Amino acid sequence: MPIAVDIDVMLAKRKMSVGELAERVGITPANLAVLKNGRAKAVRFSTLAALCEVLECQPGDLLRWEAEEAAGPAPGSTADSTSGSTMA
């Protein structure tokens, strides 16, 4: 997943436990752990806003984009050596 979650960084900066953050945000510690460990597929804006309010930060302090490793040319691309013209 190209979106990395840095909640643990903000927790350390604020010297706050996962349990305390979950209680103050109003979500279960298990759901916060899913988000914190990058296993969540989505996050509600209301949850993100509550996290930012409690941690006194911006959404960009909690989420960042990371490029995925390239696995080769994309399907349909002309990057392979068999396509194109040759000059004799």
C-alpha atoms as a PDB file:
ATOM      1  CA  MET A   1       0.000   0.000   0.000  1.00  0.00           C
ATOM      2  CA  PRO A   2       1.542   3.302  -1.011  1.00  0.00           C
ATOM      3  CA  ILE A   3       0.008   5.194   1.931  1.00  0.00           C
ATOM      4  CA  ALA A   4       2.126   4.946   5.090  1.00  0.00           C
ATOM      5  CA  VAL A   5       0.638   5.726   8.502  1.00  0.00           C
ATOM      6  CA  ASP A   6       2.790   7.552  11.060  1.00  0.00           C
ATOM      7  CA  ILE A   7       0.481   7.541  14.077  1.00  0.00           C
ATOM      8  CA  ASP A   8       3.186   5.867  16.158  1.00  0.00           C
ATOM      9  CA  VAL A   9       5.526   8.795  15.477  1.00  0.00           C
ATOM     10  CA  MET A  10       2.952  11.297  16.730  1.00  0.00           C
ATOM     11  CA  LEU A  11       2.155   9.098  19.749  1.00  0.00           C
ATOM     12  CA  ALA A  12       5.834   9.130  20.686  1.00  0.00           C
ATOM     13  CA  LYS A  13       6.082  12.911  20.205  1.00  0.00           C
ATOM     14  CA  ARG A  14       3.011  13.453  22.390  1.00  0.00           C
ATOM     15  CA  LYS A  15       4.090  10.780  24.923  1.00  0.00           C
ATOM     16  CA  MET A  16       0.671   9.159  24.614  1.00  0.00           C
ATOM     17  CA  SER A  17      -0.331   5.491  24.656  1.00  0.00           C
ATOM     18  CA  VAL A  18      -2.456   3.772  22.021  1.00  0.00           C
ATOM     19  CA  GLY A  19      -5.117   3.135  24.661  1.00  0.00           C
ATOM     20  CA  GLU A  20      -5.278   6.781  25.689  1.00  0.00           C
ATOM     21  CA  LEU A  21      -5.477   7.953  22.067  1.00  0.00           C
ATOM     22  CA  ALA A  22      -8.206   5.432  21.253  1.00  0.00           C
ATOM     23  CA  GLU A  23     -10.244   6.532  24.270  1.00  0.00           C
ATOM     24  CA  ARG A  24      -9.873  10.232  23.483  1.00  0.00           C
ATOM     25  CA  VAL A  25     -10.708   9.731  19.790  1.00  0.00           C
ATOM     26  CA  GLY A  26     -13.637   7.426  20.516  1.00  0.00           C
ATOM     27  CA  ILE A  27     -12.525   4.279  18.689  1.00  0.00           C
ATOM     28  CA  THR A  28     -11.518   0.878  19.980  1.00  0.00           C
ATOM     29  CA  PRO A  29      -7.826   0.157  20.598  1.00  0.00           C
ATOM     30  CA  ALA A  30      -8.128  -2.734  18.116  1.00  0.00           C
ATOM     31  CA  ASN A  31      -9.388  -0.423  15.351  1.00  0.00           C
ATOM     32  CA  LEU A  32      -6.667   2.104  16.143  1.00  0.00           C
ATOM     33  CA  ALA A  33      -4.068  -0.690  15.944  1.00  0.00           C
ATOM     34  CA  VAL A  34      -5.377  -1.700  12.497  1.00  0.00           C
ATOM     35  CA  LEU A  35      -4.985   1.894  11.326  1.00  0.00           C
ATOM     36  CA  LYS A  36      -1.629   2.409  13.065  1.00  0.00           C
ATOM     37  CA  ASN A  37      -0.134  -0.766  11.593  1.00  0.00           C
ATOM     38  CA  GLY A  38      -1.156   0.138   8.041  1.00  0.00           C
ATOM     39  CA  ARG A  39      -3.711  -2.664   7.676  1.00  0.00           C
ATOM     40  CA  ALA A  40      -6.730  -0.359   7.249  1.00  0.00           C
ATOM     41  CA  LYS A  41      -8.220  -0.056   3.773  1.00  0.00           C
ATOM     42  CA  ALA A  42      -9.933   3.264   4.561  1.00  0.00           C
ATOM     43  CA  VAL A  43     -10.288   5.897   7.249  1.00  0.00           C
ATOM     44  CA  ARG A  44     -13.260   8.169   7.820  1.00  0.00           C
ATOM     45  CA  PHE A  45     -12.587  11.874   7.659  1.00  0.00           C
ATOM     46  CA  SER A  46     -14.304  12.244  11.024  1.00  0.00           C
ATOM     47  CA  THR A  47     -11.821   9.764  12.550  1.00  0.00           C
ATOM     48  CA  LEU A  48      -8.891  11.511  10.872  1.00  0.00           C
ATOM     49  CA  ALA A  49     -10.147  14.873  12.148  1.00  0.00           C
ATOM     50  CA  ALA A  50     -10.488  13.495  15.684  1.00  0.00           C
ATOM     51  CA  LEU A  51      -6.961  12.046  15.545  1.00  0.00           C
ATOM     52  CA  CYS A  52      -5.608  15.414  14.389  1.00  0.00           C
ATOM     53  CA  GLU A  53      -7.515  17.266  17.111  1.00  0.00           C
ATOM     54  CA  VAL A  54      -6.291  14.981  19.910  1.00  0.00           C
ATOM     55  CA  LEU A  55      -2.708  14.816  18.612  1.00  0.00           C
ATOM     56  CA  GLU A  56      -2.688  18.526  17.667  1.00  0.00           C
ATOM     57  CA  CYS A  57      -1.350  17.842  14.187  1.00  0.00           C
ATOM     58  CA  GLN A  58      -2.229  17.975  10.502  1.00  0.00           C
ATOM     59  CA  PRO A  59      -3.396  14.980   8.406  1.00  0.00           C
ATOM     60  CA  GLY A  60      -0.031  15.053   6.622  1.00  0.00           C
ATOM     61  CA  ASP A  61       1.671  14.391   9.955  1.00  0.00           C
ATOM     62  CA  LEU A  62      -0.209  11.080  10.147  1.00  0.00           C
ATOM     63  CA  LEU A  63      -0.356   9.951   6.504  1.00  0.00           C
ATOM     64  CA  ARG A  64       2.225  10.023   3.731  1.00  0.00           C
ATOM     65  CA  TRP A  65       2.501   8.615   0.241  1.00  0.00           C
ATOM     66  CA  GLU A  66       5.340   6.249  -0.675  1.00  0.00           C
ATOM     67  CA  ALA A  67       6.010   5.088  -4.215  1.00  0.00           C
ATOM     68  CA  GLU A  68       5.606   1.351  -4.702  1.00  0.00           C
ATOM     69  CA  GLU A  69       8.466  -0.722  -6.081  1.00  0.00           C
ATOM     70  CA  ALA A  70       8.267  -1.031  -9.861  1.00  0.00           C
ATOM     71  CA  ALA A  71       7.613  -4.618 -10.929  1.00  0.00           C
ATOM     72  CA  GLY A  72       8.374  -3.996 -14.599  1.00  0.00           C
ATOM     73  CA  PRO A  73       6.684  -2.206 -17.464  1.00  0.00           C
ATOM     74  CA  ALA A  74       3.007  -1.484 -17.094  1.00  0.00           C
ATOM     75  CA  PRO A  75       0.607  -3.585 -19.173  1.00  0.00           C
ATOM     76  CA  GLY A  76       0.167  -2.063 -22.607  1.00  0.00           C
ATOM     77  CA  SER A  77       3.352  -0.013 -22.404  1.00  0.00           C
ATOM     78  CA  THR A  78       5.846   0.037 -25.255  1.00  0.00           C
ATOM     79  CA  ALA A  79       8.842  -0.294 -22.974  1.00  0.00           C
ATOM     80  CA  ASP A  80       9.767  -3.831 -24.030  1.00  0.00           C
ATOM     81  CA  SER A  81      12.538  -4.392 -26.575  1.00  0.00           C
ATOM     82  CA  THR A  82      10.386  -6.386 -29.027  1.00  0.00           C
ATOM     83  CA  SER A  83       8.189  -3.479 -30.020  1.00  0.00           C
ATOM     84  CA  GLY A  84       9.072  -0.592 -32.244  1.00  0.00           C
ATOM     85  CA  SER A  85      10.834  -0.411 -35.556  1.00  0.00           C
ATOM     86  CA  THR A  86      14.378  -1.351 -36.435  1.00  0.00           C
ATOM     87  CA  MET A  87      16.593   0.262 -38.979  1.00  0.00           C
ATOM     88  CA  ALA A  88      18.641  -2.023 -41.254  1.00  0.00           C
END
